[in-house]
Protein backbone atom coordinates (compact mmCIF):
# COMPACT_ATOMS: atom_id res chain seq x y z
CA UNK A 1 -0.01 0.00 0.00
CA UNK A 2 2.81 2.37 0.87
CA UNK A 3 4.62 1.71 -2.40
CA UNK A 4 1.41 2.07 -4.36
CA UNK A 5 0.70 5.33 -2.59
CA UNK A 6 4.19 6.47 -3.52
CA UNK A 7 3.47 5.75 -7.19
CA UNK A 8 0.44 7.98 -7.11
CA UNK A 9 2.28 10.63 -5.14
CA UNK A 10 5.08 10.66 -7.70
CA UNK A 11 2.62 10.88 -10.57
CA UNK A 12 0.58 13.58 -8.87
CA UNK A 13 3.67 15.69 -8.28
CA UNK A 14 4.84 15.21 -11.86
CA UNK A 15 1.49 16.13 -13.39
CA UNK A 16 0.49 18.67 -10.72
CA UNK A 17 -2.66 16.57 -10.33
CA UNK A 18 -4.34 17.40 -7.00
CA UNK A 19 -6.73 14.46 -7.38
CA UNK A 20 -3.86 11.96 -7.61
CA UNK A 21 -2.14 13.61 -4.67
CA UNK A 22 -5.29 13.24 -2.58
CA UNK A 23 -5.60 9.57 -3.45
CA UNK A 24 -1.93 9.03 -2.72
CA UNK A 25 -2.43 10.41 0.78
CA UNK A 26 -5.28 7.95 1.34
CA UNK A 27 -3.06 5.02 0.32
CA UNK A 28 -0.11 6.19 2.36
CA UNK A 29 -2.26 6.67 5.44
CA UNK A 30 -3.65 3.16 5.00
CA UNK A 31 -0.19 1.59 4.54
CA UNK A 32 0.60 -1.34 6.79
CA UNK A 33 4.00 -2.49 8.15
CA UNK A 34 3.27 -5.98 6.80
CA UNK A 35 3.68 -4.69 3.24
CA UNK A 36 0.10 -5.50 2.34
CA UNK A 37 -0.18 -9.05 3.65
CA UNK A 38 -3.10 -8.07 5.84
CA UNK A 39 -4.84 -5.84 3.32
CA UNK A 40 -8.37 -7.09 2.56
CA UNK A 41 -8.73 -8.43 -0.98
CA UNK A 42 -11.39 -5.91 -1.93
CA UNK A 43 -9.09 -3.05 -0.88
CA UNK A 44 -6.28 -4.56 -2.93
CA UNK A 45 -8.51 -4.82 -5.98
CA UNK A 46 -9.74 -1.25 -5.49
CA UNK A 47 -6.17 -0.04 -5.35
CA UNK A 48 -5.22 -1.78 -8.60
CA UNK A 49 -8.32 -0.43 -10.34
CA UNK A 50 -7.51 3.12 -9.28
CA UNK A 51 -3.89 2.80 -10.37
CA UNK A 52 -5.16 1.44 -13.71
CA UNK A 53 -7.25 4.57 -14.10
CA UNK A 54 -4.21 6.84 -13.78
CA UNK A 55 -2.06 4.84 -16.18
CA UNK A 56 0.08 2.97 -13.66
CA UNK A 57 -1.24 -0.53 -14.37
CA UNK A 58 2.15 -2.15 -15.20
CA UNK A 59 3.94 -0.78 -12.16
CA UNK A 60 0.88 -1.43 -10.00
CA UNK A 61 1.00 -5.13 -10.78
CA UNK A 62 4.75 -5.23 -10.15
CA UNK A 63 4.28 -3.68 -6.72
CA UNK A 64 1.11 -5.51 -5.79
CA UNK A 65 1.71 -8.85 -7.54
CA UNK A 66 2.03 -10.99 -4.39
CA UNK A 67 -1.08 -9.45 -2.87
CA UNK A 68 -3.10 -10.03 -6.07
CA UNK A 69 -1.91 -13.61 -6.30
CA UNK A 70 -3.08 -14.22 -2.75
CA UNK A 71 -6.47 -12.71 -3.47
CA UNK A 72 -6.99 -14.20 -6.92
CA UNK A 73 -7.97 -10.75 -8.23
CA UNK A 74 -9.61 -10.29 -11.59
CA UNK A 75 -9.31 -7.37 -13.99
CA UNK A 76 -11.83 -4.55 -13.95
CA UNK A 77 -13.49 -2.21 -16.40
CA UNK A 78 -12.41 1.38 -16.84
CA UNK A 79 -14.82 2.78 -14.25
CA UNK A 80 -15.15 -0.10 -11.78
CA UNK A 81 -13.43 0.65 -8.50
CA UNK A 82 -13.91 -2.78 -6.89
CA UNK A 83 -14.11 -5.91 -9.04
CA UNK A 84 -16.03 -9.04 -8.10
CA UNK A 85 -14.00 -11.31 -5.89
CA UNK A 86 -15.10 -14.40 -4.04
CA UNK A 87 -18.85 -14.90 -3.77
CA UNK A 88 -19.82 -11.92 -1.65
CA UNK A 89 -22.63 -9.59 -2.53
CA UNK A 90 -21.12 -6.35 -3.78
CA UNK A 91 -22.63 -3.00 -3.12
CA UNK A 92 -22.69 -0.78 -6.19
CA UNK A 93 -23.07 2.98 -6.51
CA UNK A 94 -23.16 5.22 -9.59
CA UNK A 95 -21.82 8.71 -8.92
CA UNK A 96 -22.82 11.53 -11.24
CA UNK A 97 -20.70 14.69 -11.31
CA UNK A 98 -23.11 17.34 -12.55
CA UNK A 99 -22.36 19.53 -15.60
CA UNK A 100 -18.97 19.43 -17.39
CA UNK A 101 -17.33 20.41 -20.66
CA UNK A 102 -19.18 23.29 -22.34
CA UNK A 103 -21.67 23.30 -19.44
CA UNK A 104 -19.79 24.65 -16.40
CA UNK A 105 -22.94 24.95 -14.28
CA UNK A 106 -23.05 27.82 -11.83
CA UNK A 107 -19.98 30.03 -11.44
CA UNK A 108 -19.02 31.58 -8.10
CA UNK A 109 -18.28 35.26 -7.41
CA UNK A 110 -14.53 34.70 -7.89
CA UNK A 111 -14.84 32.35 -10.85
CA UNK A 112 -15.01 28.86 -9.32
CA UNK A 113 -16.88 26.53 -11.69
CA UNK A 114 -19.49 24.19 -10.32
CA UNK A 115 -18.50 21.49 -12.83
CA UNK A 116 -14.96 21.37 -11.40
CA UNK A 117 -16.15 21.11 -7.80
CA UNK A 118 -18.69 18.41 -8.69
CA UNK A 119 -16.06 16.28 -10.44
CA UNK A 120 -13.52 16.59 -7.67
CA UNK A 121 -16.00 15.66 -4.92
CA UNK A 122 -17.38 12.81 -7.06
CA UNK A 123 -13.87 11.39 -7.47
CA UNK A 124 -13.16 11.69 -3.76
CA UNK A 125 -16.47 10.03 -2.96
CA UNK A 126 -15.76 7.21 -5.40
CA UNK A 127 -12.34 6.58 -3.88
CA UNK A 128 -13.66 6.56 -0.32
CA UNK A 129 -16.53 4.22 -1.12
CA UNK A 130 -14.17 1.81 -2.86
CA UNK A 131 -11.17 1.94 -0.53
CA UNK A 132 -12.77 2.35 2.84
CA UNK A 133 -16.08 0.53 2.41
CA UNK A 134 -15.51 -1.98 -0.39
CA UNK A 135 -18.08 -0.67 -2.87
CA UNK A 136 -18.06 -1.09 -6.62
CA UNK A 137 -18.27 2.42 -8.04
CA UNK A 138 -18.96 3.87 -11.48
CA UNK A 139 -18.69 7.52 -12.52
CA UNK A 140 -20.90 9.00 -15.23
CA UNK A 141 -17.94 11.23 -16.11
CA UNK A 142 -14.32 11.14 -14.93
CA UNK A 143 -13.02 14.23 -16.76
CA UNK A 144 -14.18 17.69 -17.79
CA UNK A 145 -16.48 16.56 -20.59
CA UNK A 146 -20.11 17.20 -21.43
CA UNK A 147 -22.44 14.25 -20.78
CA UNK A 148 -26.11 14.69 -21.57
CA UNK A 149 -28.74 14.02 -18.94
CA UNK A 150 -30.05 11.13 -21.04
CA UNK A 151 -26.57 9.59 -21.23
CA UNK A 152 -26.10 9.89 -17.50
CA UNK A 153 -29.33 8.05 -16.79
CA UNK A 154 -28.62 5.45 -19.47
CA UNK A 155 -25.18 4.81 -17.98
CA UNK A 156 -26.69 4.26 -14.55
CA UNK A 157 -29.49 2.07 -15.88
CA UNK A 158 -26.91 -0.12 -17.62
CA UNK A 159 -25.53 -1.15 -14.25
CA UNK A 160 -27.04 -3.15 -11.41
CA UNK A 161 -26.34 -0.34 -8.96
CA UNK A 162 -27.99 -0.03 -5.56
CA UNK A 163 -27.89 3.76 -5.61
CA UNK A 164 -27.40 6.75 -7.94
CA UNK A 165 -25.90 9.92 -6.40
CA UNK A 166 -25.76 13.15 -8.37
CA UNK A 167 -23.33 15.77 -7.08
CA UNK A 168 -24.08 19.51 -7.57
CA UNK A 169 -23.54 22.92 -6.01
CA UNK A 170 -26.48 25.20 -5.37
CA UNK A 171 -26.79 28.76 -6.69
CA UNK A 172 -29.19 31.64 -6.23
CA UNK A 173 -29.60 35.24 -7.32
CA UNK A 174 -29.56 36.12 -3.61
CA UNK A 175 -25.83 36.01 -2.88
CA UNK A 176 -26.57 35.62 0.84
CA UNK A 177 -28.28 32.25 0.36
CA UNK A 178 -26.30 29.43 1.90
CA UNK A 179 -26.68 25.90 3.18
CA UNK A 180 -26.75 22.22 2.24
CA UNK A 181 -29.72 20.35 0.78
CA UNK A 182 -30.50 16.95 -0.64
CA UNK A 183 -33.22 15.98 -3.14
CA UNK A 184 -35.09 12.80 -3.93
CA UNK A 185 -37.89 11.93 -6.28
CA UNK A 186 -41.43 12.16 -4.93
CA UNK A 187 -44.84 12.19 -6.58
CA UNK A 188 -45.45 15.84 -5.91
CA UNK A 189 -45.45 19.03 -7.99
CA UNK A 190 -43.64 20.80 -5.13
CA UNK A 191 -40.06 21.85 -5.61
CA UNK A 192 -38.21 23.78 -2.92
CA UNK A 193 -38.85 27.47 -3.47
CA UNK A 194 -35.20 28.36 -2.80
CA UNK A 195 -33.93 26.05 -5.55
CA UNK A 196 -32.80 27.76 -8.74
CA UNK A 197 -33.70 25.37 -11.57
CA UNK A 198 -31.05 25.25 -14.25
CA UNK A 199 -32.29 24.84 -17.80
CA UNK A 200 -32.99 21.28 -18.83
CA UNK A 201 -32.58 19.70 -15.40
CA UNK A 202 -36.16 19.79 -14.13
CA UNK A 203 -38.76 17.64 -15.82
CA UNK A 204 -42.11 19.25 -16.56
CA UNK A 205 -43.09 17.37 -19.69
CA UNK A 206 -42.17 14.39 -21.85
CA UNK A 207 -38.83 12.66 -21.50
CA UNK A 208 -37.43 11.36 -24.76
CA UNK A 209 -40.84 10.55 -26.13
CA UNK A 210 -42.30 9.19 -22.91
CA UNK A 211 -45.94 10.26 -22.93
CA UNK A 212 -46.98 9.93 -19.29
CA UNK A 213 -44.41 11.46 -16.98
CA UNK A 214 -46.94 11.78 -14.16
CA UNK A 215 -47.53 8.06 -14.21
CA UNK A 216 -43.79 7.37 -14.10
CA UNK A 217 -43.40 9.72 -11.16
CA UNK A 218 -46.28 8.15 -9.30
CA UNK A 219 -45.04 4.62 -9.97
CA UNK A 220 -41.56 5.45 -8.74
CA UNK A 221 -42.67 7.35 -5.65
CA UNK A 222 -44.82 4.43 -4.53
CA UNK A 223 -42.15 1.85 -5.26
CA UNK A 224 -39.41 0.68 -2.97
CA UNK A 225 -36.98 2.76 -5.02
CA UNK A 226 -38.90 5.92 -4.27
CA UNK A 227 -39.07 5.19 -0.55
CA UNK A 228 -35.42 4.21 -0.45
CA UNK A 229 -34.45 7.42 -2.26
CA UNK A 230 -35.98 9.53 0.48
CA UNK A 231 -34.26 7.39 3.12
CA UNK A 232 -30.87 7.80 1.47
CA UNK A 233 -31.42 11.53 1.05
CA UNK A 234 -32.27 11.95 4.72
CA UNK A 235 -29.24 9.93 5.84
CA UNK A 236 -26.87 11.87 3.59
CA UNK A 237 -28.29 15.21 4.71
CA UNK A 238 -27.89 14.33 8.40
CA UNK A 239 -24.34 13.10 7.88
CA UNK A 240 -23.29 16.19 5.94
CA UNK A 241 -24.72 18.57 8.52
CA UNK A 242 -23.11 16.73 11.41
CA UNK A 243 -19.61 16.64 9.89
CA UNK A 244 -19.61 20.10 8.32
CA UNK A 245 -20.89 21.68 11.55
CA UNK A 246 -17.78 20.41 13.38
CA UNK A 247 -15.69 22.81 11.30
CA UNK A 248 -18.25 25.40 10.28
CA UNK A 249 -20.81 25.93 13.08
CA UNK A 250 -22.97 28.28 11.00
CA UNK A 251 -23.85 25.71 8.33
CA UNK A 252 -27.52 25.95 7.41
CA UNK A 253 -29.80 22.94 7.01
CA UNK A 254 -31.90 23.48 3.91
CA UNK A 255 -33.47 20.09 4.33
CA UNK A 256 -34.50 17.16 2.18
CA UNK A 257 -36.91 18.00 -0.63
CA UNK A 258 -38.78 16.32 -3.46
CA UNK A 259 -37.76 17.38 -6.97
CA UNK A 260 -38.31 16.31 -10.54
CA UNK A 261 -34.70 16.44 -11.65
CA UNK A 262 -34.28 14.60 -14.90
CA UNK A 263 -31.67 12.20 -13.53
CA UNK A 264 -33.91 11.32 -10.59
CA UNK A 265 -36.92 10.63 -12.80
CA UNK A 266 -35.13 8.53 -15.42
CA UNK A 267 -32.86 6.34 -13.30
CA UNK A 268 -34.29 2.96 -12.35
CA UNK A 269 -32.82 2.66 -8.86
CA UNK A 270 -32.90 4.71 -5.65
CA UNK A 271 -31.52 8.12 -6.61
CA UNK A 272 -30.59 11.31 -4.80
CA UNK A 273 -29.16 14.68 -5.77
CA UNK A 274 -26.89 16.51 -3.31
CA UNK A 275 -26.45 20.29 -3.37
CA UNK A 276 -23.12 20.60 -1.54
CA UNK A 277 -23.25 24.34 -0.76
CA UNK A 278 -24.08 27.62 -2.50
CA UNK A 279 -21.30 28.40 -4.93
CA UNK A 280 -22.99 31.78 -5.47
CA UNK A 281 -22.26 32.72 -1.85
CA UNK A 282 -18.75 34.15 -1.48
CA UNK A 283 -18.07 32.45 1.84
CA UNK A 284 -19.32 29.07 0.68
CA UNK A 285 -17.45 29.41 -2.60
CA UNK A 286 -14.25 29.76 -0.60
CA UNK A 287 -15.13 26.62 1.38
CA UNK A 288 -15.74 24.75 -1.86
CA UNK A 289 -12.26 25.71 -3.04
CA UNK A 290 -10.78 24.02 0.03
CA UNK A 291 -9.33 20.51 -0.24
CA UNK A 292 -10.29 19.91 3.37
CA UNK A 293 -13.92 20.94 2.85
CA UNK A 294 -14.24 18.72 -0.21
CA UNK A 295 -12.81 15.81 1.80
CA UNK A 296 -15.34 16.36 4.57
CA UNK A 297 -18.21 16.40 2.03
CA UNK A 298 -17.06 13.21 0.31
CA UNK A 299 -16.37 11.37 3.54
CA UNK A 300 -19.73 12.33 5.02
CA UNK A 301 -21.68 11.13 1.98
CA UNK A 302 -19.66 7.90 1.82
CA UNK A 303 -20.29 7.10 5.48
CA UNK A 304 -24.02 7.69 5.14
CA UNK A 305 -24.21 5.39 2.13
CA UNK A 306 -22.23 2.66 3.91
CA UNK A 307 -24.43 2.83 6.97
CA UNK A 308 -27.62 2.60 4.93
CA UNK A 309 -26.46 -0.15 2.51
CA UNK A 310 -25.43 -3.20 4.52
CA UNK A 311 -22.45 -5.12 3.17
CA UNK A 312 -22.60 -8.68 1.93
CA UNK A 313 -20.68 -11.59 3.28
């Protein structure tokens, strides 16, 4: 683990890649004196998958060869953070970093782009779920590219995920607005009054030729998926508020709300959308620039998901 962390640290320094540096720190912190002999197989597989993603697959296997031989690890796809090993039930999460490419989302008072924050927090969340809790994780985007709402939902629906989490920052014309909120699908026309709907994200009519959106909404809200979505949203909101308040006592609870976000309507699994903070608020924009704040957000969401989705044995 220590050697693998060193690989990422070296690459992060060379490429000035803050994401790789953050992952390297995780691996180095988790390093064991035994050289990996006691590392759980799922953690080992997660580590190899992440090193694959950053182009270190050859050196990763040189460093981790004995560990992989012990575990009988199998290769993974480009986005899978934990491959199937043994016969255990694997928990799977799709993480959606909102916006990207030619769609930067909201932009803060000093120029911070929502799309960049969303991607960074999504990556941190993916790494924590895989490394610390043994999840299989897929990202709808892993770089600054545009992915349509339809493609995001289709990507999620092509998996057998237990949960879909969309990561966003909130924004409002009132620059004093601040706080954290979480959204889940519900059969209701109500949408939180303080939410600023960005073009194309809220569903009011047909979706790709679907003629009866109201029926879809009603079916989902009455299903287990709909009930589970609200449960996940509540758990994530509580976890975020608890952890953020330890560092920022004035954090505001904007609550859990129903919303007809496109990605919530069209995914066929429990789905939530998290508004991390108001990027339009100068103080919260500065928090969102902070590596430490992003780590707190990712860790809080990961812990809430782990507590609500029991692991398999």
